[in-house]
PDB file of N, CA and C in Angstrom:
ATOM      1  N   MET A   1       0.855  -1.134   0.005  1.00  0.00           N
ATOM      2  CA  MET A   1      -0.006  -0.006  -0.008  1.00  0.00           C
ATOM      3  C   MET A   1       0.874   1.245  -0.008  1.00  0.00           C
ATOM      4  N   ARG A   2       0.286   2.331  -0.354  1.00  0.00           N
ATOM      5  CA  ARG A   2       1.033   3.609  -0.407  1.00  0.00           C
ATOM      6  C   ARG A   2       0.441   4.709   0.429  1.00  0.00           C
ATOM      7  N   GLY A   3       1.266   5.618   0.851  1.00  0.00           N
ATOM      8  CA  GLY A   3       0.879   6.805   1.526  1.00  0.00           C
ATOM      9  C   GLY A   3       1.901   7.839   1.198  1.00  0.00           C
ATOM     10  N   ALA A   4       1.917   8.889   2.024  1.00  0.00           N
ATOM     11  CA  ALA A   4       2.891   9.950   1.885  1.00  0.00           C
ATOM     12  C   ALA A   4       4.042   9.771   2.832  1.00  0.00           C
ATOM     13  N   SER A   5       5.265  10.051   2.335  1.00  0.00           N
ATOM     14  CA  SER A   5       6.471   9.946   3.186  1.00  0.00           C
ATOM     15  C   SER A   5       6.450  11.049   4.089  1.00  0.00           C
ATOM     16  N   ALA A   6       6.371  10.808   5.422  1.00  0.00           N
ATOM     17  CA  ALA A   6       6.385  11.880   6.426  1.00  0.00           C
ATOM     18  C   ALA A   6       7.799  12.002   7.041  1.00  0.00           C
ATOM     19  N   SER A   7       8.644  10.987   6.959  1.00  0.00           N
ATOM     20  CA  SER A   7      10.030  11.070   7.377  1.00  0.00           C
ATOM     21  C   SER A   7      10.745  10.030   6.553  1.00  0.00           C
ATOM     22  N   ASN A   8      12.038  10.163   6.531  1.00  0.00           N
ATOM     23  CA  ASN A   8      12.896   9.267   5.721  1.00  0.00           C
ATOM     24  C   ASN A   8      13.275   8.014   6.458  1.00  0.00           C
ATOM     25  N   GLY A   9      13.741   7.049   5.693  1.00  0.00           N
ATOM     26  CA  GLY A   9      14.265   5.801   6.208  1.00  0.00           C
ATOM     27  C   GLY A   9      13.420   4.578   5.887  1.00  0.00           C
ATOM     28  N   VAL A  10      13.991   3.471   6.243  1.00  0.00           N
ATOM     29  CA  VAL A  10      13.317   2.185   5.983  1.00  0.00           C
ATOM     30  C   VAL A  10      13.382   1.349   7.274  1.00  0.00           C
ATOM     31  N   ALA A  11      12.379   0.545   7.459  1.00  0.00           N
ATOM     32  CA  ALA A  11      12.377  -0.234   8.683  1.00  0.00           C
ATOM     33  C   ALA A  11      11.640  -1.595   8.404  1.00  0.00           C
ATOM     34  N   LEU A  12      11.989  -2.594   9.152  1.00  0.00           N
ATOM     35  CA  LEU A  12      11.310  -3.901   9.136  1.00  0.00           C
ATOM     36  C   LEU A  12      10.958  -4.284  10.550  1.00  0.00           C
ATOM     37  N   GLY A  13       9.703  -4.694  10.750  1.00  0.00           N
ATOM     38  CA  GLY A  13       9.333  -5.064  12.087  1.00  0.00           C
ATOM     39  C   GLY A  13       7.972  -5.754  12.157  1.00  0.00           C
ATOM     40  N   ARG A  14       7.589  -6.142  13.324  1.00  0.00           N
ATOM     41  CA  ARG A  14       6.281  -6.765  13.511  1.00  0.00           C
ATOM     42  C   ARG A  14       5.266  -5.658  13.758  1.00  0.00           C
ATOM     43  N   ALA A  15       4.074  -5.781  13.069  1.00  0.00           N
ATOM     44  CA  ALA A  15       3.116  -4.758  13.197  1.00  0.00           C
ATOM     45  C   ALA A  15       2.277  -4.911  14.486  1.00  0.00           C
ATOM     46  N   ARG A  16       1.876  -3.719  14.969  1.00  0.00           N
ATOM     47  CA  ARG A  16       0.945  -3.654  16.032  1.00  0.00           C
ATOM     48  C   ARG A  16      -0.100  -2.642  15.570  1.00  0.00           C
ATOM     49  N   VAL A  17      -1.331  -3.114  15.336  1.00  0.00           N
ATOM     50  CA  VAL A  17      -2.429  -2.290  14.927  1.00  0.00           C
ATOM     51  C   VAL A  17      -3.034  -1.605  16.157  1.00  0.00           C
ATOM     52  N   VAL A  18      -3.130  -0.263  16.111  1.00  0.00           N
ATOM     53  CA  VAL A  18      -3.649   0.510  17.222  1.00  0.00           C
ATOM     54  C   VAL A  18      -4.836   1.316  16.764  1.00  0.00           C
ATOM     55  N   ARG A  19      -6.014   0.916  17.250  1.00  0.00           N
ATOM     56  CA  ARG A  19      -7.250   1.554  16.772  1.00  0.00           C
ATOM     57  C   ARG A  19      -7.784   2.603  17.761  1.00  0.00           C
ATOM     58  N   GLU A  20      -7.218   2.593  18.955  1.00  0.00           N
ATOM     59  CA  GLU A  20      -7.571   3.571  19.981  1.00  0.00           C
ATOM     60  C   GLU A  20      -6.389   4.038  20.732  1.00  0.00           C
ATOM     61  N   PRO A  21      -6.365   5.399  21.012  1.00  0.00           N
ATOM     62  CA  PRO A  21      -5.198   5.940  21.705  1.00  0.00           C
ATOM     63  C   PRO A  21      -4.872   5.273  23.038  1.00  0.00           C
ATOM     64  N   ARG A  22      -5.836   4.749  23.711  1.00  0.00           N
ATOM     65  CA  ARG A  22      -5.583   4.184  25.062  1.00  0.00           C
ATOM     66  C   ARG A  22      -4.668   2.894  25.019  1.00  0.00           C
ATOM     67  N   THR A  23      -4.567   2.304  23.840  1.00  0.00           N
ATOM     68  CA  THR A  23      -3.759   1.077  23.705  1.00  0.00           C
ATOM     69  C   THR A  23      -2.281   1.399  23.237  1.00  0.00           C
ATOM     70  N   LEU A  24      -1.942   2.638  23.081  1.00  0.00           N
ATOM     71  CA  LEU A  24      -0.594   2.987  22.650  1.00  0.00           C
ATOM     72  C   LEU A  24       0.415   2.527  23.691  1.00  0.00           C
ATOM     73  N   ALA A  25       0.103   2.527  24.948  1.00  0.00           N
ATOM     74  CA  ALA A  25       1.031   2.160  25.991  1.00  0.00           C
ATOM     75  C   ALA A  25       1.515   0.712  25.833  1.00  0.00           C
ATOM     76  N   GLY A  26       0.822  -0.159  25.141  1.00  0.00           N
ATOM     77  CA  GLY A  26       1.212  -1.506  24.984  1.00  0.00           C
ATOM     78  C   GLY A  26       2.204  -1.778  23.873  1.00  0.00           C
ATOM     79  N   LEU A  27       2.634  -0.711  23.110  1.00  0.00           N
ATOM     80  CA  LEU A  27       3.600  -0.891  22.054  1.00  0.00           C
ATOM     81  C   LEU A  27       4.961  -1.325  22.607  1.00  0.00           C
ATOM     82  N   GLN A  28       5.560  -2.271  21.886  1.00  0.00           N
ATOM     83  CA  GLN A  28       6.801  -2.857  22.270  1.00  0.00           C
ATOM     84  C   GLN A  28       8.004  -2.392  21.460  1.00  0.00           C
ATOM     85  N   ASP A  29       9.192  -2.616  21.945  1.00  0.00           N
ATOM     86  CA  ASP A  29      10.401  -2.201  21.241  1.00  0.00           C
ATOM     87  C   ASP A  29      10.458  -2.824  19.881  1.00  0.00           C
ATOM     88  N   GLY A  30      10.749  -2.007  18.843  1.00  0.00           N
ATOM     89  CA  GLY A  30      10.953  -2.569  17.523  1.00  0.00           C
ATOM     90  C   GLY A  30       9.756  -2.811  16.694  1.00  0.00           C
ATOM     91  N   GLU A  31       8.564  -2.545  17.289  1.00  0.00           N
ATOM     92  CA  GLU A  31       7.367  -2.746  16.539  1.00  0.00           C
ATOM     93  C   GLU A  31       7.074  -1.671  15.495  1.00  0.00           C
ATOM     94  N   VAL A  32       6.264  -1.992  14.521  1.00  0.00           N
ATOM     95  CA  VAL A  32       5.762  -0.952  13.594  1.00  0.00           C
ATOM     96  C   VAL A  32       4.368  -0.637  13.988  1.00  0.00           C
ATOM     97  N   ALA A  33       4.128   0.613  14.425  1.00  0.00           N
ATOM     98  CA  ALA A  33       2.812   1.002  14.928  1.00  0.00           C
ATOM     99  C   ALA A  33       1.989   1.356  13.700  1.00  0.00           C
ATOM    100  N   VAL A  34       0.800   0.748  13.564  1.00  0.00           N
ATOM    101  CA  VAL A  34      -0.141   0.998  12.475  1.00  0.00           C
ATOM    102  C   VAL A  34      -1.338   1.681  13.145  1.00  0.00           C
ATOM    103  N   LEU A  35      -1.522   2.954  12.874  1.00  0.00           N
ATOM    104  CA  LEU A  35      -2.497   3.772  13.539  1.00  0.00           C
ATOM    105  C   LEU A  35      -3.647   4.227  12.659  1.00  0.00           C
ATOM    106  N   ARG A  36      -4.833   4.384  13.139  1.00  0.00           N
ATOM    107  CA  ARG A  36      -5.955   4.934  12.382  1.00  0.00           C
ATOM    108  C   ARG A  36      -5.643   6.364  11.965  1.00  0.00           C
ATOM    109  N   CYS A  37      -5.141   7.141  12.834  1.00  0.00           N
ATOM    110  CA  CYS A  37      -4.843   8.569  12.547  1.00  0.00           C
ATOM    111  C   CYS A  37      -3.553   8.926  13.358  1.00  0.00           C
ATOM    112  N   ALA A  38      -3.072  10.083  13.005  1.00  0.00           N
ATOM    113  CA  ALA A  38      -1.793  10.530  13.582  1.00  0.00           C
ATOM    114  C   ALA A  38      -2.077  11.183  14.974  1.00  0.00           C
ATOM    115  N   TRP A  39      -2.354  10.334  15.922  1.00  0.00           N
ATOM    116  CA  TRP A  39      -2.581  10.859  17.287  1.00  0.00           C
ATOM    117  C   TRP A  39      -1.326  11.452  17.865  1.00  0.00           C
ATOM    118  N   PRO A  40      -1.443  12.675  18.494  1.00  0.00           N
ATOM    119  CA  PRO A  40      -0.308  13.221  19.122  1.00  0.00           C
ATOM    120  C   PRO A  40       0.127  12.428  20.364  1.00  0.00           C
ATOM    121  N   HIS A  41      -0.806  11.575  20.932  1.00  0.00           N
ATOM    122  CA  HIS A  41      -0.521  10.762  22.093  1.00  0.00           C
ATOM    123  C   HIS A  41       0.565   9.705  21.720  1.00  0.00           C
ATOM    124  N   ALA A  42       0.732   9.365  20.465  1.00  0.00           N
ATOM    125  CA  ALA A  42       1.664   8.358  20.067  1.00  0.00           C
ATOM    126  C   ALA A  42       3.110   8.780  20.360  1.00  0.00           C
ATOM    127  N   ALA A  43       3.317  10.057  20.560  1.00  0.00           N
ATOM    128  CA  ALA A  43       4.724  10.609  20.834  1.00  0.00           C
ATOM    129  C   ALA A  43       5.390   9.865  21.950  1.00  0.00           C
ATOM    130  N   GLU A  44       4.689   9.457  22.988  1.00  0.00           N
ATOM    131  CA  GLU A  44       5.271   8.799  24.125  1.00  0.00           C
ATOM    132  C   GLU A  44       5.917   7.489  23.803  1.00  0.00           C
ATOM    133  N   ALA A  45       5.479   6.815  22.705  1.00  0.00           N
ATOM    134  CA  ALA A  45       5.925   5.516  22.307  1.00  0.00           C
ATOM    135  C   ALA A  45       7.031   5.575  21.209  1.00  0.00           C
ATOM    136  N   LEU A  46       7.321   6.738  20.667  1.00  0.00           N
ATOM    137  CA  LEU A  46       8.223   6.826  19.496  1.00  0.00           C
ATOM    138  C   LEU A  46       9.571   6.236  19.704  1.00  0.00           C
ATOM    139  N   GLY A  47      10.151   6.400  20.925  1.00  0.00           N
ATOM    140  CA  GLY A  47      11.458   5.978  21.272  1.00  0.00           C
ATOM    141  C   GLY A  47      11.585   4.425  21.122  1.00  0.00           C
ATOM    142  N   ARG A  48      10.509   3.655  21.188  1.00  0.00           N
ATOM    143  CA  ARG A  48      10.490   2.234  21.121  1.00  0.00           C
ATOM    144  C   ARG A  48      10.189   1.656  19.732  1.00  0.00           C
ATOM    145  N   LEU A  49       9.740   2.486  18.821  1.00  0.00           N
ATOM    146  CA  LEU A  49       9.184   1.962  17.588  1.00  0.00           C
ATOM    147  C   LEU A  49      10.244   1.875  16.426  1.00  0.00           C
ATOM    148  N   ALA A  50       9.995   0.914  15.556  1.00  0.00           N
ATOM    149  CA  ALA A  50      10.832   0.819  14.316  1.00  0.00           C
ATOM    150  C   ALA A  50      10.309   1.778  13.253  1.00  0.00           C
ATOM    151  N   ALA A  51       8.946   1.899  13.225  1.00  0.00           N
ATOM    152  CA  ALA A  51       8.353   2.770  12.167  1.00  0.00           C
ATOM    153  C   ALA A  51       6.935   3.051  12.606  1.00  0.00           C
ATOM    154  N   VAL A  52       6.322   3.978  11.883  1.00  0.00           N
ATOM    155  CA  VAL A  52       4.930   4.335  12.083  1.00  0.00           C
ATOM    156  C   VAL A  52       4.211   4.439  10.745  1.00  0.00           C
ATOM    157  N   VAL A  53       3.032   3.898  10.703  1.00  0.00           N
ATOM    158  CA  VAL A  53       2.129   3.963   9.526  1.00  0.00           C
ATOM    159  C   VAL A  53       0.778   4.369   9.927  1.00  0.00           C
ATOM    160  N   THR A  54       0.204   5.407   9.319  1.00  0.00           N
ATOM    161  CA  THR A  54      -1.160   5.908   9.688  1.00  0.00           C
ATOM    162  C   THR A  54      -2.016   5.841   8.440  1.00  0.00           C
ATOM    163  N   GLU A  55      -3.313   5.668   8.739  1.00  0.00           N
ATOM    164  CA  GLU A  55      -4.292   5.697   7.700  1.00  0.00           C
ATOM    165  C   GLU A  55      -4.649   7.110   7.194  1.00  0.00           C
ATOM    166  N   ARG A  56      -4.669   8.037   8.249  1.00  0.00           N
ATOM    167  CA  ARG A  56      -4.989   9.449   7.996  1.00  0.00           C
ATOM    168  C   ARG A  56      -3.898  10.267   8.507  1.00  0.00           C
ATOM    169  N   GLY A  57      -3.964  11.536   8.246  1.00  0.00           N
ATOM    170  CA  GLY A  57      -2.886  12.466   8.677  1.00  0.00           C
ATOM    171  C   GLY A  57      -2.039  12.859   7.485  1.00  0.00           C
ATOM    172  N   GLY A  58      -1.375  13.958   7.677  1.00  0.00           N
ATOM    173  CA  GLY A  58      -0.540  14.515   6.597  1.00  0.00           C
ATOM    174  C   GLY A  58       0.876  14.709   7.096  1.00  0.00           C
ATOM    175  N   VAL A  59       1.711  15.147   6.132  1.00  0.00           N
ATOM    176  CA  VAL A  59       3.115  15.335   6.471  1.00  0.00           C
ATOM    177  C   VAL A  59       3.414  16.436   7.417  1.00  0.00           C
ATOM    178  N   LEU A  60       2.442  17.295   7.633  1.00  0.00           N
ATOM    179  CA  LEU A  60       2.654  18.441   8.619  1.00  0.00           C
ATOM    180  C   LEU A  60       2.003  18.260   9.927  1.00  0.00           C
ATOM    181  N   CYS A  61       1.426  17.029  10.177  1.00  0.00           N
ATOM    182  CA  CYS A  61       0.829  16.793  11.486  1.00  0.00           C
ATOM    183  C   CYS A  61       1.921  16.674  12.529  1.00  0.00           C
ATOM    184  N   SER A  62       1.521  16.796  13.786  1.00  0.00           N
ATOM    185  CA  SER A  62       2.581  16.758  14.835  1.00  0.00           C
ATOM    186  C   SER A  62       3.245  15.498  14.940  1.00  0.00           C
ATOM    187  N   LEU A  63       2.553  14.358  14.720  1.00  0.00           N
ATOM    188  CA  LEU A  63       3.251  13.051  14.791  1.00  0.00           C
ATOM    189  C   LEU A  63       4.333  12.882  13.715  1.00  0.00           C
ATOM    190  N   ALA A  64       3.948  13.330  12.482  1.00  0.00           N
ATOM    191  CA  ALA A  64       4.958  13.337  11.378  1.00  0.00           C
ATOM    192  C   ALA A  64       6.170  14.109  11.732  1.00  0.00           C
ATOM    193  N   THR A  65       6.034  15.295  12.307  1.00  0.00           N
ATOM    194  CA  THR A  65       7.042  16.125  12.702  1.00  0.00           C
ATOM    195  C   THR A  65       7.980  15.484  13.716  1.00  0.00           C
ATOM    196  N   LEU A  66       7.383  14.815  14.772  1.00  0.00           N
ATOM    197  CA  LEU A  66       8.061  14.121  15.782  1.00  0.00           C
ATOM    198  C   LEU A  66       8.905  12.912  15.216  1.00  0.00           C
ATOM    199  N   THR A  67       8.229  12.206  14.291  1.00  0.00           N
ATOM    200  CA  THR A  67       8.984  11.000  13.691  1.00  0.00           C
ATOM    201  C   THR A  67      10.273  11.533  12.968  1.00  0.00           C
ATOM    202  N   ARG A  68      10.211  12.675  12.362  1.00  0.00           N
ATOM    203  CA  ARG A  68      11.374  13.217  11.651  1.00  0.00           C
ATOM    204  C   ARG A  68      12.456  13.578  12.750  1.00  0.00           C
ATOM    205  N   GLU A  69      11.950  14.158  13.855  1.00  0.00           N
ATOM    206  CA  GLU A  69      12.940  14.492  14.880  1.00  0.00           C
ATOM    207  C   GLU A  69      13.590  13.351  15.515  1.00  0.00           C
ATOM    208  N   TYR A  70      12.787  12.198  15.658  1.00  0.00           N
ATOM    209  CA  TYR A  70      13.377  10.987  16.217  1.00  0.00           C
ATOM    210  C   TYR A  70      14.084  10.107  15.216  1.00  0.00           C
ATOM    211  N   GLY A  71      13.930  10.436  13.926  1.00  0.00           N
ATOM    212  CA  GLY A  71      14.629   9.673  12.894  1.00  0.00           C
ATOM    213  C   GLY A  71      13.873   8.324  12.662  1.00  0.00           C
ATOM    214  N   ILE A  72      12.608   8.286  12.833  1.00  0.00           N
ATOM    215  CA  ILE A  72      11.834   7.053  12.690  1.00  0.00           C
ATOM    216  C   ILE A  72      11.079   7.109  11.341  1.00  0.00           C
ATOM    217  N   PRO A  73      11.206   6.148  10.550  1.00  0.00           N
ATOM    218  CA  PRO A  73      10.447   6.048   9.215  1.00  0.00           C
ATOM    219  C   PRO A  73       8.922   6.179   9.459  1.00  0.00           C
ATOM    220  N   CYS A  74       8.286   7.011   8.736  1.00  0.00           N
ATOM    221  CA  CYS A  74       6.883   7.210   8.923  1.00  0.00           C
ATOM    222  C   CYS A  74       6.173   7.466   7.511  1.00  0.00           C
ATOM    223  N   VAL A  75       5.040   6.606   7.355  1.00  0.00           N
ATOM    224  CA  VAL A  75       4.230   6.832   6.136  1.00  0.00           C
ATOM    225  C   VAL A  75       2.883   7.183   6.684  1.00  0.00           C
ATOM    226  N   VAL A  76       2.307   8.337   6.170  1.00  0.00           N
ATOM    227  CA  VAL A  76       0.954   8.814   6.625  1.00  0.00           C
ATOM    228  C   VAL A  76       0.002   8.618   5.354  1.00  0.00           C
ATOM    229  N   GLY A  77      -1.245   8.568   5.699  1.00  0.00           N
ATOM    230  CA  GLY A  77      -2.341   8.533   4.619  1.00  0.00           C
ATOM    231  C   GLY A  77      -2.328   7.188   3.886  1.00  0.00           C
ATOM    232  N   ALA A  78      -1.967   6.077   4.515  1.00  0.00           N
ATOM    233  CA  ALA A  78      -1.978   4.765   3.835  1.00  0.00           C
ATOM    234  C   ALA A  78      -3.342   4.173   4.119  1.00  0.00           C
ATOM    235  N   ALA A  79      -4.276   4.532   3.198  1.00  0.00           N
ATOM    236  CA  ALA A  79      -5.672   4.154   3.331  1.00  0.00           C
ATOM    237  C   ALA A  79      -5.817   2.650   3.489  1.00  0.00           C
ATOM    238  N   GLY A  80      -6.607   2.249   4.510  1.00  0.00           N
ATOM    239  CA  GLY A  80      -6.938   0.839   4.671  1.00  0.00           C
ATOM    240  C   GLY A  80      -5.885   0.080   5.456  1.00  0.00           C
ATOM    241  N   ALA A  81      -4.866   0.749   6.009  1.00  0.00           N
ATOM    242  CA  ALA A  81      -3.748   0.057   6.721  1.00  0.00           C
ATOM    243  C   ALA A  81      -4.235  -0.750   7.893  1.00  0.00           C
ATOM    244  N   THR A  82      -5.112  -0.247   8.650  1.00  0.00           N
ATOM    245  CA  THR A  82      -5.556  -0.995   9.864  1.00  0.00           C
ATOM    246  C   THR A  82      -6.404  -2.216   9.565  1.00  0.00           C
ATOM    247  N   GLU A  83      -6.869  -2.325   8.344  1.00  0.00           N
ATOM    248  CA  GLU A  83      -7.608  -3.485   7.975  1.00  0.00           C
ATOM    249  C   GLU A  83      -6.712  -4.543   7.150  1.00  0.00           C
ATOM    250  N   ALA A  84      -5.790  -4.007   6.437  1.00  0.00           N
ATOM    251  CA  ALA A  84      -4.883  -4.847   5.615  1.00  0.00           C
ATOM    252  C   ALA A  84      -3.766  -5.483   6.407  1.00  0.00           C
ATOM    253  N   ILE A  85      -3.326  -4.759   7.480  1.00  0.00           N
ATOM    254  CA  ILE A  85      -2.182  -5.262   8.328  1.00  0.00           C
ATOM    255  C   ILE A  85      -2.798  -5.750   9.562  1.00  0.00           C
ATOM    256  N   HIS A  86      -2.266  -6.911  10.059  1.00  0.00           N
ATOM    257  CA  HIS A  86      -2.716  -7.563  11.286  1.00  0.00           C
ATOM    258  C   HIS A  86      -1.607  -7.552  12.302  1.00  0.00           C
ATOM    259  N   ASP A  87      -1.919  -7.600  13.534  1.00  0.00           N
ATOM    260  CA  ASP A  87      -0.977  -7.724  14.630  1.00  0.00           C
ATOM    261  C   ASP A  87      -0.054  -8.917  14.361  1.00  0.00           C
ATOM    262  N   GLY A  88       1.278  -8.691  14.483  1.00  0.00           N
ATOM    263  CA  GLY A  88       2.271  -9.734  14.277  1.00  0.00           C
ATOM    264  C   GLY A  88       2.645  -9.862  12.817  1.00  0.00           C
ATOM    265  N   ASP A  89       2.030  -9.287  11.878  1.00  0.00           N
ATOM    266  CA  ASP A  89       2.564  -9.305  10.484  1.00  0.00           C
ATOM    267  C   ASP A  89       3.937  -8.698  10.435  1.00  0.00           C
ATOM    268  N   VAL A  90       4.777  -9.222   9.604  1.00  0.00           N
ATOM    269  CA  VAL A  90       6.024  -8.562   9.292  1.00  0.00           C
ATOM    270  C   VAL A  90       5.829  -7.566   8.258  1.00  0.00           C
ATOM    271  N   VAL A  91       6.225  -6.303   8.558  1.00  0.00           N
ATOM    272  CA  VAL A  91       5.961  -5.194   7.655  1.00  0.00           C
ATOM    273  C   VAL A  91       7.287  -4.482   7.344  1.00  0.00           C
ATOM    274  N   PHE A  92       7.461  -4.191   6.033  1.00  0.00           N
ATOM    275  CA  PHE A  92       8.542  -3.376   5.560  1.00  0.00           C
ATOM    276  C   PHE A  92       8.021  -1.999   5.270  1.00  0.00           C
ATOM    277  N   VAL A  93       8.572  -0.992   5.912  1.00  0.00           N
ATOM    278  CA  VAL A  93       8.162   0.364   5.704  1.00  0.00           C
ATOM    279  C   VAL A  93       9.279   1.131   4.956  1.00  0.00           C
ATOM    280  N   ASP A  94       8.956   1.616   3.766  1.00  0.00           N
ATOM    281  CA  ASP A  94       9.877   2.387   2.958  1.00  0.00           C
ATOM    282  C   ASP A  94       9.373   3.858   2.924  1.00  0.00           C
ATOM    283  N   ALA A  95       9.827   4.570   4.005  1.00  0.00           N
ATOM    284  CA  ALA A  95       9.324   5.915   4.067  1.00  0.00           C
ATOM    285  C   ALA A  95       9.913   6.823   3.047  1.00  0.00           C
ATOM    286  N   GLU A  96      10.996   6.435   2.459  1.00  0.00           N
ATOM    287  CA  GLU A  96      11.631   7.156   1.375  1.00  0.00           C
ATOM    288  C   GLU A  96      10.616   7.364   0.143  1.00  0.00           C
ATOM    289  N   ASP A  97       9.855   6.264  -0.027  1.00  0.00           N
ATOM    290  CA  ASP A  97       8.971   6.167  -1.221  1.00  0.00           C
ATOM    291  C   ASP A  97       7.509   6.238  -0.830  1.00  0.00           C
ATOM    292  N   GLY A  98       7.191   6.193   0.508  1.00  0.00           N
ATOM    293  CA  GLY A  98       5.776   6.158   1.004  1.00  0.00           C
ATOM    294  C   GLY A  98       5.186   4.829   0.797  1.00  0.00           C
ATOM    295  N   ALA A  99       5.980   3.765   0.773  1.00  0.00           N
ATOM    296  CA  ALA A  99       5.464   2.413   0.535  1.00  0.00           C
ATOM    297  C   ALA A  99       5.441   1.579   1.808  1.00  0.00           C
ATOM    298  N   VAL A 100       4.390   0.757   1.984  1.00  0.00           N
ATOM    299  CA  VAL A 100       4.257  -0.170   3.081  1.00  0.00           C
ATOM    300  C   VAL A 100       4.043  -1.578   2.447  1.00  0.00           C
ATOM    301  N   LEU A 101       4.917  -2.514   2.792  1.00  0.00           N
ATOM    302  CA  LEU A 101       4.756  -3.843   2.227  1.00  0.00           C
ATOM    303  C   LEU A 101       4.546  -4.889   3.346  1.00  0.00           C
ATOM    304  N   VAL A 102       3.445  -5.587   3.281  1.00  0.00           N
ATOM    305  CA  VAL A 102       3.176  -6.641   4.255  1.00  0.00           C
ATOM    306  C   VAL A 102       3.787  -8.010   3.748  1.00  0.00           C
ATOM    307  N   LEU A 103       4.816  -8.420   4.511  1.00  0.00           N
ATOM    308  CA  LEU A 103       5.532  -9.716   4.125  1.00  0.00           C
ATOM    309  C   LEU A 103       4.814 -10.937   4.597  1.00  0.00           C
ATOM    310  N   GLY A 104       3.908 -10.827   5.542  1.00  0.00           N
ATOM    311  CA  GLY A 104       3.150 -11.947   6.037  1.00  0.00           C
ATOM    312  C   GLY A 104       3.242 -12.073   7.543  1.00  0.00           C
ATOM    313  N   PRO A 105       2.510 -13.026   8.061  1.00  0.00           N
ATOM    314  CA  PRO A 105       2.608 -13.294   9.465  1.00  0.00           C
ATOM    315  C   PRO A 105       3.913 -13.948   9.860  1.00  0.00           C
ATOM    316  N   VAL A 106       4.304 -13.788  11.147  1.00  0.00           N
ATOM    317  CA  VAL A 106       5.516 -14.460  11.621  1.00  0.00           C
ATOM    318  C   VAL A 106       5.145 -15.829  11.847  1.00  0.00           C
ATOM    319  N   VAL A 107       5.966 -16.781  11.333  1.00  0.00           N
ATOM    320  CA  VAL A 107       5.726 -18.265  11.511  1.00  0.00           C
ATOM    321  C   VAL A 107       6.883 -18.750  12.252  1.00  0.00           C
ATOM    322  N   ALA A 108       6.714 -19.464  13.309  1.00  0.00           N
ATOM    323  CA  ALA A 108       7.748 -20.020  14.095  1.00  0.00           C
ATOM    324  C   ALA A 108       8.331 -21.261  13.288  1.00  0.00           C
ATOM    325  N   ALA A 109       9.657 -21.285  13.363  1.00  0.00           N
ATOM    326  CA  ALA A 109      10.341 -22.469  12.651  1.00  0.00           C
ATOM    327  C   ALA A 109      10.298 -23.668  13.533  1.00  0.00           C
ATOM    328  N   PRO A 110      10.134 -24.885  12.984  1.00  0.00           N
ATOM    329  CA  PRO A 110      10.159 -26.118  13.834  1.00  0.00           C
ATOM    330  C   PRO A 110      11.521 -26.294  14.386  1.00  0.00           C
ATOM    331  N   ILE A 111      11.569 -26.879  15.545  1.00  0.00           N
ATOM    332  CA  ILE A 111      12.897 -27.129  16.193  1.00  0.00           C
ATOM    333  C   ILE A 111      13.310 -28.560  15.888  1.00  0.00           C
TER     334      ILE A 111
END
């Protein structure tokens, strides 16, 4: 899927879909936060994230500005992201190009 590049960089990580601001506190280190919109509340989790993807919001919103300051790849305006991406999916975020690629769910290898 595509959106607008809000900050530069690329990242690979497990997705965490966040549909409500109250669940932002549960984000873990190295996850890719997939948000309905660019909530300013997400700023508290930025230090832990590999990347941010939002369905709504623009390159001048406060969250986009913060991701640039933190050096975290961010794609905004990726319509349908919270429906197409599921918790635990491996996601590649190319914020240089505004692209988000879902590589699939994490599958444990047999021992």
